C-alpha atoms as a PDB file:
ATOM      1  CA  UNK A   1    -127.604  71.555 183.062  1.00  0.00           C
ATOM      2  CA  UNK A   2    -127.345  71.485 179.280  1.00  0.00           C
ATOM      3  CA  UNK A   3    -130.715  71.674 177.581  1.00  0.00           C
ATOM      4  CA  UNK A   4    -131.777  70.847 174.069  1.00  0.00           C
ATOM      5  CA  UNK A   5    -134.852  71.198 171.898  1.00  0.00           C
ATOM      6  CA  UNK A   6    -135.692  67.901 170.231  1.00  0.00           C
ATOM      7  CA  UNK A   7    -138.603  65.655 169.319  1.00  0.00           C
ATOM      8  CA  UNK A   8    -140.291  63.121 171.566  1.00  0.00           C
ATOM      9  CA  UNK A   9    -142.238  60.322 169.849  1.00  0.00           C
ATOM     10  CA  UNK A  10    -145.870  59.625 170.606  1.00  0.00           C
ATOM     11  CA  UNK A  11    -148.643  57.837 168.754  1.00  0.00           C
ATOM     12  CA  UNK A  12    -149.132  54.178 168.007  1.00  0.00           C
ATOM     13  CA  UNK A  13    -147.238  51.697 165.919  1.00  0.00           C
ATOM     14  CA  UNK A  14    -146.868  52.940 162.319  1.00  0.00           C
ATOM     15  CA  UNK A  15    -148.772  56.162 163.216  1.00  0.00           C
ATOM     16  CA  UNK A  16    -146.046  58.468 164.566  1.00  0.00           C
ATOM     17  CA  UNK A  17    -146.709  61.821 166.155  1.00  0.00           C
ATOM     18  CA  UNK A  18    -143.954  63.945 167.645  1.00  0.00           C
ATOM     19  CA  UNK A  19    -143.856  66.613 170.330  1.00  0.00           C
ATOM     20  CA  UNK A  20    -141.195  69.302 170.110  1.00  0.00           C
ATOM     21  CA  UNK A  21    -139.879  69.546 173.666  1.00  0.00           C
ATOM     22  CA  UNK A  22    -137.220  71.294 175.719  1.00  0.00           C
ATOM     23  CA  UNK A  23    -135.384  68.705 177.784  1.00  0.00           C
ATOM     24  CA  UNK A  24    -132.138  67.813 179.501  1.00  0.00           C
ATOM     25  CA  UNK A  25    -129.729  66.660 176.804  1.00  0.00           C
ATOM     26  CA  UNK A  26    -128.747  63.544 178.793  1.00  0.00           C
ATOM     27  CA  UNK A  27    -132.276  62.255 179.326  1.00  0.00           C
ATOM     28  CA  UNK A  28    -133.799  59.512 177.136  1.00  0.00           C
ATOM     29  CA  UNK A  29    -135.935  60.435 174.112  1.00  0.00           C
ATOM     30  CA  UNK A  30    -139.395  59.871 175.589  1.00  0.00           C
ATOM     31  CA  UNK A  31    -138.657  60.662 179.225  1.00  0.00           C
ATOM     32  CA  UNK A  32    -139.910  63.664 181.166  1.00  0.00           C
ATOM     33  CA  UNK A  33    -139.242  67.099 179.717  1.00  0.00           C
ATOM     34  CA  UNK A  34    -139.099  70.708 180.852  1.00  0.00           C
ATOM     35  CA  UNK A  35    -141.627  72.203 178.434  1.00  0.00           C
ATOM     36  CA  UNK A  36    -143.543  71.233 175.281  1.00  0.00           C
ATOM     37  CA  UNK A  37    -143.282  74.006 172.672  1.00  0.00           C
ATOM     38  CA  UNK A  38    -144.739  72.403 169.563  1.00  0.00           C
ATOM     39  CA  UNK A  39    -145.852  69.375 167.575  1.00  0.00           C
ATOM     40  CA  UNK A  40    -144.969  67.600 164.329  1.00  0.00           C
ATOM     41  CA  UNK A  41    -147.311  65.221 162.515  1.00  0.00           C
ATOM     42  CA  UNK A  42    -145.509  63.553 159.565  1.00  0.00           C
ATOM     43  CA  UNK A  43    -148.723  61.887 158.365  1.00  0.00           C
ATOM     44  CA  UNK A  44    -150.187  65.204 157.197  1.00  0.00           C
ATOM     45  CA  UNK A  45    -149.325  66.637 153.778  1.00  0.00           C
ATOM     46  CA  UNK A  46    -146.440  69.083 153.549  1.00  0.00           C
ATOM     47  CA  UNK A  47    -148.826  71.928 152.625  1.00  0.00           C
ATOM     48  CA  UNK A  48    -150.965  71.431 155.744  1.00  0.00           C
ATOM     49  CA  UNK A  49    -150.278  74.207 158.297  1.00  0.00           C
ATOM     50  CA  UNK A  50    -150.907  71.779 161.190  1.00  0.00           C
ATOM     51  CA  UNK A  51    -148.018  69.498 160.134  1.00  0.00           C
ATOM     52  CA  UNK A  52    -145.550  71.554 162.197  1.00  0.00           C
ATOM     53  CA  UNK A  53    -146.841  73.809 164.968  1.00  0.00           C
ATOM     54  CA  UNK A  54    -144.401  75.826 167.081  1.00  0.00           C
ATOM     55  CA  UNK A  55    -145.047  78.246 169.941  1.00  0.00           C
ATOM     56  CA  UNK A  56    -142.712  80.953 168.608  1.00  0.00           C
ATOM     57  CA  UNK A  57    -142.657  83.058 171.770  1.00  0.00           C
ATOM     58  CA  UNK A  58    -141.464  80.168 173.926  1.00  0.00           C
ATOM     59  CA  UNK A  59    -139.049  79.027 171.216  1.00  0.00           C
ATOM     60  CA  UNK A  60    -137.472  82.502 171.098  1.00  0.00           C
ATOM     61  CA  UNK A  61    -137.203  82.482 174.894  1.00  0.00           C
ATOM     62  CA  UNK A  62    -135.352  79.171 174.909  1.00  0.00           C
ATOM     63  CA  UNK A  63    -133.122  80.156 171.971  1.00  0.00           C
ATOM     64  CA  UNK A  64    -132.144  83.311 173.856  1.00  0.00           C
ATOM     65  CA  UNK A  65    -131.156  81.170 176.853  1.00  0.00           C
ATOM     66  CA  UNK A  66    -128.737  79.185 174.680  1.00  0.00           C
ATOM     67  CA  UNK A  67    -130.297  75.757 174.141  1.00  0.00           C
ATOM     68  CA  UNK A  68    -129.001  73.385 171.475  1.00  0.00           C
ATOM     69  CA  UNK A  69    -131.262  72.222 168.635  1.00  0.00           C
ATOM     70  CA  UNK A  70    -131.477  68.751 167.162  1.00  0.00           C
ATOM     71  CA  UNK A  71    -130.930  68.608 163.388  1.00  0.00           C
ATOM     72  CA  UNK A  72    -134.586  68.057 162.479  1.00  0.00           C
ATOM     73  CA  UNK A  73    -135.853  70.751 164.864  1.00  0.00           C
ATOM     74  CA  UNK A  74    -133.235  73.104 163.427  1.00  0.00           C
ATOM     75  CA  UNK A  75    -134.772  72.606 159.968  1.00  0.00           C
ATOM     76  CA  UNK A  76    -138.262  73.343 161.346  1.00  0.00           C
ATOM     77  CA  UNK A  77    -137.060  76.507 163.082  1.00  0.00           C
ATOM     78  CA  UNK A  78    -135.241  77.618 159.931  1.00  0.00           C
ATOM     79  CA  UNK A  79    -138.461  77.303 157.887  1.00  0.00           C
ATOM     80  CA  UNK A  80    -140.367  79.210 160.592  1.00  0.00           C
ATOM     81  CA  UNK A  81    -137.772  82.005 160.503  1.00  0.00           C
ATOM     82  CA  UNK A  82    -136.555  81.532 164.068  1.00  0.00           C
ATOM     83  CA  UNK A  83    -132.950  80.708 163.127  1.00  0.00           C
ATOM     84  CA  UNK A  84    -131.027  81.703 160.028  1.00  0.00           C
ATOM     85  CA  UNK A  85    -128.226  79.168 159.855  1.00  0.00           C
ATOM     86  CA  UNK A  86    -128.417  75.684 158.438  1.00  0.00           C
ATOM     87  CA  UNK A  87    -127.717  72.564 160.507  1.00  0.00           C
ATOM     88  CA  UNK A  88    -124.085  71.514 160.753  1.00  0.00           C
ATOM     89  CA  UNK A  89    -124.506  68.111 159.139  1.00  0.00           C
ATOM     90  CA  UNK A  90    -124.256  67.334 155.448  1.00  0.00           C
ATOM     91  CA  UNK A  91    -125.388  63.935 154.199  1.00  0.00           C
ATOM     92  CA  UNK A  92    -122.859  62.059 152.115  1.00  0.00           C
ATOM     93  CA  UNK A  93    -123.536  61.933 148.407  1.00  0.00           C
ATOM     94  CA  UNK A  94    -123.242  58.776 146.331  1.00  0.00           C
ATOM     95  CA  UNK A  95    -123.370  55.152 147.251  1.00  0.00           C
ATOM     96  CA  UNK A  96    -121.376  53.512 150.029  1.00  0.00           C
ATOM     97  CA  UNK A  97    -119.130  51.814 147.462  1.00  0.00           C
ATOM     98  CA  UNK A  98    -118.201  55.173 145.985  1.00  0.00           C
ATOM     99  CA  UNK A  99    -117.467  56.562 149.436  1.00  0.00           C
ATOM    100  CA  UNK A 100    -115.104  53.687 150.249  1.00  0.00           C
ATOM    101  CA  UNK A 101    -113.329  53.849 146.889  1.00  0.00           C
ATOM    102  CA  UNK A 102    -112.832  57.602 147.107  1.00  0.00           C
ATOM    103  CA  UNK A 103    -113.345  60.096 144.310  1.00  0.00           C
ATOM    104  CA  UNK A 104    -113.424  58.777 140.774  1.00  0.00           C
ATOM    105  CA  UNK A 105    -110.278  59.188 138.691  1.00  0.00           C
ATOM    106  CA  UNK A 106    -110.495  62.043 136.194  1.00  0.00           C
ATOM    107  CA  UNK A 107    -111.158  61.048 132.620  1.00  0.00           C
ATOM    108  CA  UNK A 108    -108.232  61.425 130.274  1.00  0.00           C
ATOM    109  CA  UNK A 109    -108.413  64.341 127.868  1.00  0.00           C
ATOM    110  CA  UNK A 110    -108.673  63.441 124.181  1.00  0.00           C
ATOM    111  CA  UNK A 111    -105.508  63.929 122.178  1.00  0.00           C
ATOM    112  CA  UNK A 112    -105.433  67.090 120.074  1.00  0.00           C
ATOM    113  CA  UNK A 113    -104.904  66.411 116.399  1.00  0.00           C
END
């Protein structure tokens, strides 16, 4: 069974609250999970220590057993010092029109006089 650490949504409409859970990677987002190891409340300010809470002992246990991390949880664990690498995704820069057109042509150099 392949396991992953990801977030499960809770809370009401327009008031999200997430649980950081260890679950089977093929199960739906809010279905049953193996263990809850933390919480994330995006409504709190970024300086608030209760915005992201992680049980580091259990997180280290699961990391040692080889679970995969979702991108957002990977960022949380990186800030907590549990993992040292960055997530494997890089968002595309620029607008969608620029991405379709490709890189801009280089500007021509001015003629030397």
